[in-house]
Amino acid sequence: MKICYISFSEQFRRALAGRTKGLKTIFITHEDYLQIKAIIDMPPGDGRKSCGQLAELQQELDRAVLVKVWEIPPGVVTINSRVHVLDLDTSETEEWILTMPEQADSDQRRLSILAPIGTAILGFSEGDVIEWKTPGRARRIKLERVEDAAKSGLGVAA
C-alpha cells in the first residue's frame, strides 16, 4: 500500500480547491489510518460493526488529509485523544478517549472508533460542531477541548 505525504501548503490548496466536496477537511495521522484501514479490511464475521458503520468510517478516511504524527495540527481528534464534548441539544458535557475497538471500555470512558460518535469525531478539531444520525434522532455536539494522545496517557511516541 502506497501512502503519500503532502506538505501543509499542498493540503490547504487541495482543501480550498474543493477536494472534500463541501465537507470539512479532517486530518488523520498515517499511523491511525493504517490501524483503521486494517479493521475495515478484515474479513466479515469477525465481530466487527455493520457494513454501514464500516462504510461511514471508510468515507471519513477517504476525505482525510494524511499527516505525520508530529504534523497533526493542535486540537485535532486522533486515536487516543481525550475529547471534551458538549451536546448542543441537551447542554450535557461528556469526556471520552477515542480508542481502537479492543481498548474500548465505557466504564473508563474509552470510546471505540467504530462507535457512531467515534467515527463522527475522528479528525475534527476543537471548536467544531458535528452532526450525525443516531437511531431515533440526529445529534449535534461541539468539541469543547481536545487533548492530544500524549496528554491522554495513551499516546504513542512520535
Protein backbone atom coordinates (compact mmCIF):
# COMPACT_ATOMS: atom_id res chain seq x y z
CA MET A 1 0.00 0.00 0.00
CA LYS A 2 1.47 3.33 -1.02
CA ILE A 3 0.71 6.34 1.19
CA CYS A 4 1.77 9.77 0.02
CA TYR A 5 2.53 12.62 2.37
CA ILE A 6 1.91 16.15 1.23
CA SER A 7 3.07 19.40 2.74
CA PHE A 8 0.68 21.61 4.70
CA SER A 9 0.64 24.16 1.89
CA GLU A 10 -0.43 21.45 -0.55
CA GLN A 11 -3.03 20.14 1.91
CA PHE A 12 -4.61 23.52 2.26
CA ARG A 13 -4.54 24.13 -1.50
CA ARG A 14 -6.39 20.85 -2.02
CA ALA A 15 -8.92 21.67 0.71
CA LEU A 16 -9.57 25.10 -0.74
CA ALA A 17 -9.92 23.62 -4.22
CA GLY A 18 -12.93 21.61 -3.07
CA ARG A 19 -11.15 18.29 -2.58
CA THR A 20 -13.71 17.38 0.08
CA LYS A 21 -16.75 18.38 -1.99
CA GLY A 22 -18.29 20.70 0.58
CA LEU A 23 -17.25 18.66 3.63
CA LYS A 24 -14.85 19.95 6.25
CA THR A 25 -11.30 18.79 5.74
CA ILE A 26 -10.21 16.44 8.50
CA PHE A 27 -6.69 15.38 9.45
CA ILE A 28 -5.65 11.83 10.30
CA THR A 29 -2.18 10.56 11.13
CA HIS A 30 -0.66 7.90 8.90
CA GLU A 31 -0.48 5.56 11.89
CA ASP A 32 -4.19 6.00 12.71
CA TYR A 33 -5.06 5.49 9.04
CA LEU A 34 -3.24 2.16 8.91
CA GLN A 35 -4.87 0.90 12.13
CA ILE A 36 -8.36 1.88 10.99
CA LYS A 37 -7.86 0.55 7.47
CA ALA A 38 -6.84 -2.83 8.94
CA ILE A 39 -10.21 -3.01 10.74
CA ILE A 40 -12.13 -2.07 7.61
CA ASP A 41 -10.26 -4.65 5.54
CA MET A 42 -10.85 -7.55 7.98
CA PRO A 43 -12.89 -10.45 6.63
CA PRO A 44 -16.61 -10.46 7.51
CA GLY A 45 -17.88 -12.41 10.51
CA ASP A 46 -15.18 -11.41 12.97
CA GLY A 47 -17.36 -9.37 15.32
CA ARG A 48 -16.92 -6.02 13.58
CA LYS A 49 -19.65 -3.43 13.30
CA SER A 50 -22.15 -3.38 10.48
CA CYS A 51 -21.16 -2.79 6.90
CA GLY A 52 -22.88 0.59 7.12
CA GLN A 53 -20.69 1.69 10.02
CA LEU A 54 -17.57 0.46 8.25
CA ALA A 55 -18.64 2.32 5.11
CA GLU A 56 -19.01 5.54 7.13
CA LEU A 57 -15.56 5.04 8.60
CA GLN A 58 -14.15 4.46 5.11
CA GLN A 59 -15.79 7.70 3.92
CA GLU A 60 -14.02 9.56 6.71
CA LEU A 61 -10.70 8.03 5.66
CA ASP A 62 -11.38 8.90 2.02
CA ARG A 63 -11.80 12.60 2.76
CA ALA A 64 -8.99 12.88 5.27
CA VAL A 65 -5.66 14.56 4.75
CA LEU A 66 -2.93 12.22 6.00
CA VAL A 67 -0.17 13.79 8.05
CA LYS A 68 2.77 12.56 10.07
CA VAL A 69 2.19 12.33 13.83
CA TRP A 70 4.31 15.40 14.55
CA GLU A 71 2.48 17.42 11.87
CA ILE A 72 -1.02 16.95 13.23
CA PRO A 73 -2.46 20.40 14.00
CA PRO A 74 -3.15 21.12 17.68
CA GLY A 75 -6.63 20.25 18.90
CA VAL A 76 -7.34 17.57 16.27
CA VAL A 77 -9.01 14.33 17.39
CA THR A 78 -6.78 11.30 16.77
CA ILE A 79 -6.76 7.80 18.19
CA ASN A 80 -6.11 8.11 21.96
CA SER A 81 -7.11 11.80 22.14
CA ARG A 82 -9.11 12.87 25.18
CA VAL A 83 -12.16 14.75 23.92
CA HIS A 84 -14.50 17.01 25.91
CA VAL A 85 -17.83 17.38 24.11
CA LEU A 86 -20.93 19.48 24.64
CA ASP A 87 -24.27 18.12 23.44
CA LEU A 88 -25.85 21.20 21.87
CA ASP A 89 -29.38 19.84 22.26
CA THR A 90 -29.22 18.79 25.93
CA SER A 91 -26.34 21.01 27.19
CA GLU A 92 -24.76 17.91 28.74
CA THR A 93 -20.98 17.53 28.67
CA GLU A 94 -19.03 14.31 28.31
CA GLU A 95 -15.39 13.31 28.22
CA TRP A 96 -14.11 10.39 26.16
CA ILE A 97 -10.83 8.93 24.98
CA LEU A 98 -11.11 7.76 21.37
CA THR A 99 -9.65 4.25 21.07
CA MET A 100 -9.36 1.25 18.83
CA PRO A 101 -12.21 -1.26 19.39
CA GLU A 102 -10.18 -3.66 21.54
CA GLN A 103 -9.40 -0.82 24.02
CA ALA A 104 -12.98 0.49 24.27
CA ASP A 105 -14.48 0.46 27.76
CA SER A 106 -17.50 2.62 28.63
CA ASP A 107 -16.74 2.42 32.38
CA GLN A 108 -13.35 4.01 31.72
CA ARG A 109 -14.84 6.47 29.18
CA ARG A 110 -12.90 4.86 26.29
CA LEU A 111 -14.86 5.22 23.07
CA SER A 112 -14.33 2.90 20.10
CA ILE A 113 -13.55 4.36 16.70
CA LEU A 114 -16.33 2.02 15.48
CA ALA A 115 -19.00 3.68 17.66
CA PRO A 116 -21.04 6.16 15.62
CA ILE A 117 -19.79 9.12 17.68
CA GLY A 118 -16.23 7.78 17.47
CA THR A 119 -16.40 7.72 13.69
CA ALA A 120 -18.06 11.15 13.70
CA ILE A 121 -15.35 12.96 15.71
CA LEU A 122 -12.22 11.43 14.13
CA GLY A 123 -10.06 14.10 12.52
CA PHE A 124 -12.22 17.03 13.61
CA SER A 125 -10.84 19.93 15.68
CA GLU A 126 -11.52 21.77 18.88
CA GLY A 127 -14.47 24.13 18.38
CA ASP A 128 -16.02 22.09 15.56
CA VAL A 129 -19.74 21.32 15.65
CA ILE A 130 -20.59 17.85 14.39
CA GLU A 131 -23.96 16.41 13.42
CA TRP A 132 -24.62 12.73 12.92
CA LYS A 133 -27.57 10.38 12.86
CA THR A 134 -28.34 8.02 15.70
CA PRO A 135 -31.27 5.64 15.90
CA GLY A 136 -34.18 7.92 16.64
CA ARG A 137 -32.69 11.35 16.03
CA ALA A 138 -29.81 13.44 14.77
CA ARG A 139 -27.35 14.63 17.41
CA ARG A 140 -25.25 17.78 17.48
CA ILE A 141 -22.13 18.14 19.57
CA LYS A 142 -19.39 20.70 19.90
CA LEU A 143 -15.80 19.64 20.55
CA GLU A 144 -15.03 21.85 23.53
CA ARG A 145 -11.48 20.63 24.17
CA VAL A 146 -9.18 18.05 22.62
CA GLU A 147 -6.08 16.83 24.43
CA ASP A 148 -3.52 15.15 22.24
CA ALA A 149 -2.77 11.47 22.62
CA ALA A 150 0.39 12.05 24.68
CA LYS A 151 -1.58 14.05 27.28
CA SER A 152 -4.38 11.46 27.46
CA GLY A 153 -1.93 8.93 28.87
CA LEU A 154 -2.49 6.53 25.96
CA GLY A 155 -0.36 8.19 23.32
CA VAL A 156 2.39 6.75 21.25
CA ALA A 157 5.79 8.29 20.78
CA ALA A 158 6.13 10.37 17.65
